[in-house]
């Protein structure tokens, strides 16, 4: 049986690696579409995360989703927001990437 050791510490870099995985809170997209949308979101945030340019990341995500899956996509990126939206069925994705929330939907 493994022994529990509460005094194990990790450095900041190791901690950031652990939380750098996307956490999908809600998705009603088909699996393939959802996986591609998560990939687009994480790539865009990796590009803009250091400058904290969430508007730039949001525009990039929207433009890529518009090109890949048709027009009418909306994207919100930020650290503190709530939402109440109307959207097409099977086109909603809400995820966290680190401490940043991302909402993508087709209206």
Protein backbone atom coordinates (compact mmCIF):
# COMPACT_ATOMS: atom_id res chain seq x y z
CA UNK A 1 0.00 0.00 0.00
CA UNK A 2 1.32 3.45 -0.93
CA UNK A 3 2.17 5.80 1.87
CA UNK A 4 0.61 9.27 1.77
CA UNK A 5 3.09 12.12 2.17
CA UNK A 6 1.41 15.52 2.64
CA UNK A 7 4.72 17.41 2.60
CA UNK A 8 5.49 16.78 -1.07
CA UNK A 9 6.08 20.08 -2.85
CA UNK A 10 6.40 20.91 -6.51
CA UNK A 11 7.83 24.02 -8.05
CA UNK A 12 5.77 26.61 -9.94
CA UNK A 13 6.79 25.28 -13.36
CA UNK A 14 5.63 21.75 -12.51
CA UNK A 15 2.35 23.13 -11.15
CA UNK A 16 1.75 25.10 -14.36
CA UNK A 17 2.28 21.91 -16.40
CA UNK A 18 -0.38 20.17 -14.32
CA UNK A 19 -3.02 22.85 -14.84
CA UNK A 20 -2.19 23.44 -18.51
CA UNK A 21 -4.56 20.72 -19.63
CA UNK A 22 -7.94 21.85 -20.96
CA UNK A 23 -10.83 21.11 -18.62
CA UNK A 24 -14.09 20.89 -20.56
CA UNK A 25 -16.92 22.00 -18.26
CA UNK A 26 -19.71 21.51 -20.81
CA UNK A 27 -19.92 20.50 -24.44
CA UNK A 28 -22.84 19.33 -26.52
CA UNK A 29 -20.72 19.08 -29.68
CA UNK A 30 -20.08 15.80 -31.47
CA UNK A 31 -16.79 14.28 -30.29
CA UNK A 32 -14.72 15.07 -33.39
CA UNK A 33 -15.93 18.67 -33.60
CA UNK A 34 -15.41 19.16 -29.87
CA UNK A 35 -11.87 17.81 -29.96
CA UNK A 36 -10.96 20.09 -32.85
CA UNK A 37 -12.52 23.11 -31.14
CA UNK A 38 -10.57 22.39 -27.93
CA UNK A 39 -7.37 22.13 -29.98
CA UNK A 40 -8.08 25.50 -31.64
CA UNK A 41 -8.78 27.12 -28.26
CA UNK A 42 -5.65 25.81 -26.56
CA UNK A 43 -3.42 26.76 -29.51
CA UNK A 44 -4.79 30.30 -29.59
CA UNK A 45 -4.43 30.75 -25.84
CA UNK A 46 -0.87 29.43 -25.91
CA UNK A 47 -0.10 32.07 -28.51
CA UNK A 48 -1.64 35.00 -26.56
CA UNK A 49 -1.30 33.88 -22.92
CA UNK A 50 1.98 35.65 -22.11
CA UNK A 51 0.64 39.05 -23.17
CA UNK A 52 -2.78 38.33 -21.61
CA UNK A 53 -4.35 39.49 -24.88
CA UNK A 54 -7.62 37.64 -24.43
CA UNK A 55 -9.33 39.75 -27.09
CA UNK A 56 -6.73 38.68 -29.65
CA UNK A 57 -7.15 35.04 -28.64
CA UNK A 58 -10.92 35.34 -28.90
CA UNK A 59 -10.74 36.86 -32.41
CA UNK A 60 -8.30 34.17 -33.55
CA UNK A 61 -10.50 31.36 -32.20
CA UNK A 62 -13.61 32.86 -33.81
CA UNK A 63 -11.91 33.27 -37.20
CA UNK A 64 -10.55 29.72 -37.23
CA UNK A 65 -13.91 28.22 -36.18
CA UNK A 66 -15.68 30.32 -38.87
CA UNK A 67 -13.31 28.98 -41.53
CA UNK A 68 -13.47 25.34 -40.40
CA UNK A 69 -17.11 24.96 -39.41
CA UNK A 70 -19.05 27.77 -41.11
CA UNK A 71 -19.97 31.30 -40.06
CA UNK A 72 -21.80 32.64 -36.99
CA UNK A 73 -19.35 31.53 -34.27
CA UNK A 74 -18.91 33.60 -31.11
CA UNK A 75 -16.08 33.29 -28.62
CA UNK A 76 -15.54 34.75 -25.14
CA UNK A 77 -12.18 34.45 -23.36
CA UNK A 78 -11.46 35.75 -19.87
CA UNK A 79 -10.81 35.13 -16.21
CA UNK A 80 -14.14 36.09 -14.68
CA UNK A 81 -17.42 36.02 -16.54
CA UNK A 82 -20.85 34.47 -16.39
CA UNK A 83 -23.13 33.81 -19.32
CA UNK A 84 -26.68 33.17 -20.36
CA UNK A 85 -26.93 32.60 -24.11
CA UNK A 86 -29.12 31.20 -26.86
CA UNK A 87 -27.30 29.10 -29.43
CA UNK A 88 -27.71 26.31 -31.95
CA UNK A 89 -27.92 22.81 -30.56
CA UNK A 90 -24.72 20.77 -30.81
CA UNK A 91 -22.54 23.90 -31.07
CA UNK A 92 -21.63 24.92 -27.51
CA UNK A 93 -18.28 24.50 -25.75
CA UNK A 94 -17.27 25.82 -22.32
CA UNK A 95 -13.80 25.00 -21.02
CA UNK A 96 -11.02 26.20 -18.76
CA UNK A 97 -7.40 26.28 -19.82
CA UNK A 98 -5.35 27.03 -16.76
CA UNK A 99 -7.13 29.92 -15.06
CA UNK A 100 -8.72 31.23 -18.25
CA UNK A 101 -12.31 30.42 -19.22
CA UNK A 102 -13.33 29.99 -22.86
CA UNK A 103 -16.86 29.91 -24.25
CA UNK A 104 -17.47 29.11 -27.92
CA UNK A 105 -20.88 28.80 -29.50
CA UNK A 106 -22.64 29.12 -32.83
CA UNK A 107 -25.65 31.42 -32.98
